[in-house]
């Protein structure tokens, strides 16, 4: 099954999980900060990704 970059990045090992983001289950302050970044990522805007350890 193919996964998206968002699903992999916000997957195991990340305290923010993609299903929680897409269903708006995270606290409002977190969503306020994440949504613009995710929109840029999905719109193919130059986005900085830092590797997770």
PDB file of N, CA and C in Angstrom:
ATOM      1  N   UNK A   1       0.838  -1.179   0.000  1.00  0.00           N
ATOM      2  CA  UNK A   1       0.000   0.000   0.000  1.00  0.00           C
ATOM      3  C   UNK A   1       0.886   1.247   0.000  1.00  0.00           C
ATOM      4  N   UNK A   2       0.654   2.136  -0.946  1.00  0.00           N
ATOM      5  CA  UNK A   2       1.443   3.356  -1.054  1.00  0.00           C
ATOM      6  C   UNK A   2       1.027   4.343   0.029  1.00  0.00           C
ATOM      7  N   UNK A   3       2.011   5.042   0.551  1.00  0.00           N
ATOM      8  CA  UNK A   3       1.723   6.071   1.546  1.00  0.00           C
ATOM      9  C   UNK A   3       2.256   7.399   1.041  1.00  0.00           C
ATOM     10  N   UNK A   4       1.687   8.458   1.520  1.00  0.00           N
ATOM     11  CA  UNK A   4       2.140   9.788   1.134  1.00  0.00           C
ATOM     12  C   UNK A   4       3.283  10.227   2.045  1.00  0.00           C
ATOM     13  N   UNK A   5       3.948  11.271   1.629  1.00  0.00           N
ATOM     14  CA  UNK A   5       5.010  11.844   2.457  1.00  0.00           C
ATOM     15  C   UNK A   5       4.447  12.251   3.817  1.00  0.00           C
ATOM     16  N   UNK A   6       3.258  12.839   3.803  1.00  0.00           N
ATOM     17  CA  UNK A   6       2.638  13.265   5.057  1.00  0.00           C
ATOM     18  C   UNK A   6       2.375  12.073   5.973  1.00  0.00           C
ATOM     19  N   UNK A   7       1.883  10.983   5.409  1.00  0.00           N
ATOM     20  CA  UNK A   7       1.601   9.789   6.214  1.00  0.00           C
ATOM     21  C   UNK A   7       2.881   9.201   6.803  1.00  0.00           C
ATOM     22  N   UNK A   8       3.964   9.229   6.022  1.00  0.00           N
ATOM     23  CA  UNK A   8       5.234   8.704   6.529  1.00  0.00           C
ATOM     24  C   UNK A   8       5.831   9.642   7.574  1.00  0.00           C
ATOM     25  N   UNK A   9       5.836  10.943   7.275  1.00  0.00           N
ATOM     26  CA  UNK A   9       6.445  11.906   8.190  1.00  0.00           C
ATOM     27  C   UNK A   9       5.700  11.949   9.521  1.00  0.00           C
ATOM     28  N   UNK A  10       4.375  11.961   9.449  1.00  0.00           N
ATOM     29  CA  UNK A  10       3.557  12.004  10.661  1.00  0.00           C
ATOM     30  C   UNK A  10       3.095  10.600  11.033  1.00  0.00           C
ATOM     31  N   UNK A  11       4.014   9.659  10.960  1.00  0.00           N
ATOM     32  CA  UNK A  11       3.713   8.263  11.276  1.00  0.00           C
ATOM     33  C   UNK A  11       4.403   7.826  12.553  1.00  0.00           C
ATOM     34  N   UNK A  12       4.737   6.537  12.628  1.00  0.00           N
ATOM     35  CA  UNK A  12       5.381   5.996  13.828  1.00  0.00           C
ATOM     36  C   UNK A  12       6.632   6.799  14.206  1.00  0.00           C
ATOM     37  N   UNK A  13       6.734   7.110  15.477  1.00  0.00           N
ATOM     38  CA  UNK A  13       7.876   7.863  15.977  1.00  0.00           C
ATOM     39  C   UNK A  13       7.634   9.362  16.055  1.00  0.00           C
ATOM     40  N   UNK A  14       6.565   9.842  15.454  1.00  0.00           N
ATOM     41  CA  UNK A  14       6.238  11.266  15.525  1.00  0.00           C
ATOM     42  C   UNK A  14       5.075  11.425  16.496  1.00  0.00           C
ATOM     43  N   UNK A  15       5.183  12.365  17.401  1.00  0.00           N
ATOM     44  CA  UNK A  15       4.098  12.509  18.380  1.00  0.00           C
ATOM     45  C   UNK A  15       2.824  13.041  17.741  1.00  0.00           C
ATOM     46  N   UNK A  16       2.924  13.660  16.571  1.00  0.00           N
ATOM     47  CA  UNK A  16       1.748  14.088  15.818  1.00  0.00           C
ATOM     48  C   UNK A  16       1.489  13.059  14.729  1.00  0.00           C
ATOM     49  N   UNK A  17       0.321  12.460  14.728  1.00  0.00           N
ATOM     50  CA  UNK A  17      -0.023  11.404  13.780  1.00  0.00           C
ATOM     51  C   UNK A  17      -0.935  11.951  12.684  1.00  0.00           C
ATOM     52  N   UNK A  18      -0.697  11.488  11.444  1.00  0.00           N
ATOM     53  CA  UNK A  18      -1.451  11.983  10.301  1.00  0.00           C
ATOM     54  C   UNK A  18      -2.968  11.827  10.468  1.00  0.00           C
ATOM     55  N   UNK A  19      -3.468  10.686  10.944  1.00  0.00           N
ATOM     56  CA  UNK A  19      -4.925  10.576  11.130  1.00  0.00           C
ATOM     57  C   UNK A  19      -5.479  11.628  12.102  1.00  0.00           C
ATOM     58  N   UNK A  20      -4.712  11.975  13.124  1.00  0.00           N
ATOM     59  CA  UNK A  20      -5.156  13.006  14.070  1.00  0.00           C
ATOM     60  C   UNK A  20      -5.168  14.388  13.415  1.00  0.00           C
ATOM     61  N   UNK A  21      -4.219  14.620  12.522  1.00  0.00           N
ATOM     62  CA  UNK A  21      -4.158  15.903  11.822  1.00  0.00           C
ATOM     63  C   UNK A  21      -5.330  16.020  10.856  1.00  0.00           C
ATOM     64  N   UNK A  22      -5.551  14.986  10.056  1.00  0.00           N
ATOM     65  CA  UNK A  22      -6.612  15.056   9.050  1.00  0.00           C
ATOM     66  C   UNK A  22      -8.005  15.069   9.659  1.00  0.00           C
ATOM     67  N   UNK A  23      -8.149  14.565  10.867  1.00  0.00           N
ATOM     68  CA  UNK A  23      -9.464  14.592  11.516  1.00  0.00           C
ATOM     69  C   UNK A  23      -9.566  15.721  12.546  1.00  0.00           C
ATOM     70  N   UNK A  24      -8.560  16.621  12.536  1.00  0.00           N
ATOM     71  CA  UNK A  24      -8.581  17.817  13.384  1.00  0.00           C
ATOM     72  C   UNK A  24      -8.697  17.480  14.873  1.00  0.00           C
ATOM     73  N   UNK A  25      -7.972  16.445  15.298  1.00  0.00           N
ATOM     74  CA  UNK A  25      -8.038  16.015  16.699  1.00  0.00           C
ATOM     75  C   UNK A  25      -6.937  16.606  17.575  1.00  0.00           C
ATOM     76  N   UNK A  26      -6.001  17.317  16.972  1.00  0.00           N
ATOM     77  CA  UNK A  26      -4.922  17.909  17.759  1.00  0.00           C
ATOM     78  C   UNK A  26      -5.394  19.229  18.362  1.00  0.00           C
ATOM     79  N   UNK A  27      -4.736  19.669  19.426  1.00  0.00           N
ATOM     80  CA  UNK A  27      -5.113  20.953  20.029  1.00  0.00           C
ATOM     81  C   UNK A  27      -5.036  22.095  19.007  1.00  0.00           C
ATOM     82  N   UNK A  28      -5.904  23.058  19.160  1.00  0.00           N
ATOM     83  CA  UNK A  28      -5.985  24.176  18.214  1.00  0.00           C
ATOM     84  C   UNK A  28      -4.640  24.874  17.986  1.00  0.00           C
ATOM     85  N   UNK A  29      -3.849  25.166  19.041  1.00  0.00           N
ATOM     86  CA  UNK A  29      -2.556  25.822  18.792  1.00  0.00           C
ATOM     87  C   UNK A  29      -1.632  24.991  17.890  1.00  0.00           C
ATOM     88  N   UNK A  30      -1.676  23.684  18.039  1.00  0.00           N
ATOM     89  CA  UNK A  30      -0.847  22.807  17.201  1.00  0.00           C
ATOM     90  C   UNK A  30      -1.345  22.864  15.761  1.00  0.00           C
ATOM     91  N   UNK A  31      -2.646  22.751  15.574  1.00  0.00           N
ATOM     92  CA  UNK A  31      -3.213  22.785  14.227  1.00  0.00           C
ATOM     93  C   UNK A  31      -2.943  24.128  13.553  1.00  0.00           C
ATOM     94  N   UNK A  32      -3.015  25.207  14.320  1.00  0.00           N
ATOM     95  CA  UNK A  32      -2.766  26.541  13.774  1.00  0.00           C
ATOM     96  C   UNK A  32      -1.360  26.636  13.196  1.00  0.00           C
ATOM     97  N   UNK A  33      -0.408  25.986  13.843  1.00  0.00           N
ATOM     98  CA  UNK A  33       0.981  26.016  13.361  1.00  0.00           C
ATOM     99  C   UNK A  33       1.222  25.014  12.243  1.00  0.00           C
ATOM    100  N   UNK A  34       0.577  23.865  12.302  1.00  0.00           N
ATOM    101  CA  UNK A  34       0.826  22.809  11.321  1.00  0.00           C
ATOM    102  C   UNK A  34       0.145  23.034   9.976  1.00  0.00           C
ATOM    103  N   UNK A  35      -1.075  23.513   9.992  1.00  0.00           N
ATOM    104  CA  UNK A  35      -1.864  23.595   8.758  1.00  0.00           C
ATOM    105  C   UNK A  35      -1.171  24.402   7.656  1.00  0.00           C
ATOM    106  N   UNK A  36      -0.645  25.599   7.905  1.00  0.00           N
ATOM    107  CA  UNK A  36       0.018  26.326   6.816  1.00  0.00           C
ATOM    108  C   UNK A  36       1.215  25.560   6.242  1.00  0.00           C
ATOM    109  N   UNK A  37       1.970  24.904   7.093  1.00  0.00           N
ATOM    110  CA  UNK A  37       3.125  24.127   6.642  1.00  0.00           C
ATOM    111  C   UNK A  37       2.677  22.950   5.775  1.00  0.00           C
ATOM    112  N   UNK A  38       1.634  22.255   6.196  1.00  0.00           N
ATOM    113  CA  UNK A  38       1.121  21.115   5.436  1.00  0.00           C
ATOM    114  C   UNK A  38       0.551  21.585   4.101  1.00  0.00           C
ATOM    115  N   UNK A  39      -0.153  22.708   4.100  1.00  0.00           N
ATOM    116  CA  UNK A  39      -0.692  23.243   2.846  1.00  0.00           C
ATOM    117  C   UNK A  39       0.428  23.576   1.877  1.00  0.00           C
ATOM    118  N   UNK A  40       1.507  24.185   2.357  1.00  0.00           N
ATOM    119  CA  UNK A  40       2.663  24.460   1.501  1.00  0.00           C
ATOM    120  C   UNK A  40       3.242  23.167   0.953  1.00  0.00           C
ATOM    121  N   UNK A  41       3.354  22.167   1.789  1.00  0.00           N
ATOM    122  CA  UNK A  41       3.888  20.877   1.365  1.00  0.00           C
ATOM    123  C   UNK A  41       3.010  20.271   0.270  1.00  0.00           C
ATOM    124  N   UNK A  42       1.714  20.300   0.449  1.00  0.00           N
ATOM    125  CA  UNK A  42       0.793  19.712  -0.515  1.00  0.00           C
ATOM    126  C   UNK A  42       0.708  20.526  -1.801  1.00  0.00           C
ATOM    127  N   UNK A  43       0.964  21.832  -1.729  1.00  0.00           N
ATOM    128  CA  UNK A  43       0.928  22.692  -2.916  1.00  0.00           C
ATOM    129  C   UNK A  43       2.271  22.751  -3.629  1.00  0.00           C
ATOM    130  N   UNK A  44       3.213  21.935  -3.172  1.00  0.00           N
ATOM    131  CA  UNK A  44       4.549  21.845  -3.773  1.00  0.00           C
ATOM    132  C   UNK A  44       5.352  23.137  -3.643  1.00  0.00           C
ATOM    133  N   UNK A  45       4.999  23.950  -2.655  1.00  0.00           N
ATOM    134  CA  UNK A  45       5.789  25.132  -2.344  1.00  0.00           C
ATOM    135  C   UNK A  45       7.100  24.651  -1.732  1.00  0.00           C
ATOM    136  N   UNK A  46       8.158  25.414  -1.904  1.00  0.00           N
ATOM    137  CA  UNK A  46       9.417  25.010  -1.277  1.00  0.00           C
ATOM    138  C   UNK A  46       9.194  24.878   0.220  1.00  0.00           C
ATOM    139  N   UNK A  47       9.422  23.681   0.725  1.00  0.00           N
ATOM    140  CA  UNK A  47       9.168  23.384   2.129  1.00  0.00           C
ATOM    141  C   UNK A  47      10.403  22.750   2.740  1.00  0.00           C
ATOM    142  N   UNK A  48      10.761  23.188   3.911  1.00  0.00           N
ATOM    143  CA  UNK A  48      11.905  22.633   4.617  1.00  0.00           C
ATOM    144  C   UNK A  48      11.463  21.442   5.445  1.00  0.00           C
ATOM    145  N   UNK A  49      12.091  20.301   5.196  1.00  0.00           N
ATOM    146  CA  UNK A  49      11.850  19.094   5.989  1.00  0.00           C
ATOM    147  C   UNK A  49      13.135  18.735   6.696  1.00  0.00           C
ATOM    148  N   UNK A  50      13.061  18.561   7.988  1.00  0.00           N
ATOM    149  CA  UNK A  50      14.218  18.116   8.746  1.00  0.00           C
ATOM    150  C   UNK A  50      14.051  16.641   9.052  1.00  0.00           C
ATOM    151  N   UNK A  51      15.124  15.864   8.905  1.00  0.00           N
ATOM    152  CA  UNK A  51      15.002  14.423   9.179  1.00  0.00           C
ATOM    153  C   UNK A  51      14.720  14.170  10.652  1.00  0.00           C
ATOM    154  N   UNK A  52      13.963  13.121  10.883  1.00  0.00           N
ATOM    155  CA  UNK A  52      13.708  12.701  12.260  1.00  0.00           C
ATOM    156  C   UNK A  52      14.787  11.709  12.652  1.00  0.00           C
ATOM    157  N   UNK A  53      15.159  11.718  13.906  1.00  0.00           N
ATOM    158  CA  UNK A  53      16.182  10.783  14.388  1.00  0.00           C
ATOM    159  C   UNK A  53      15.601   9.400  14.542  1.00  0.00           C
TER     160      UNK A  53
END
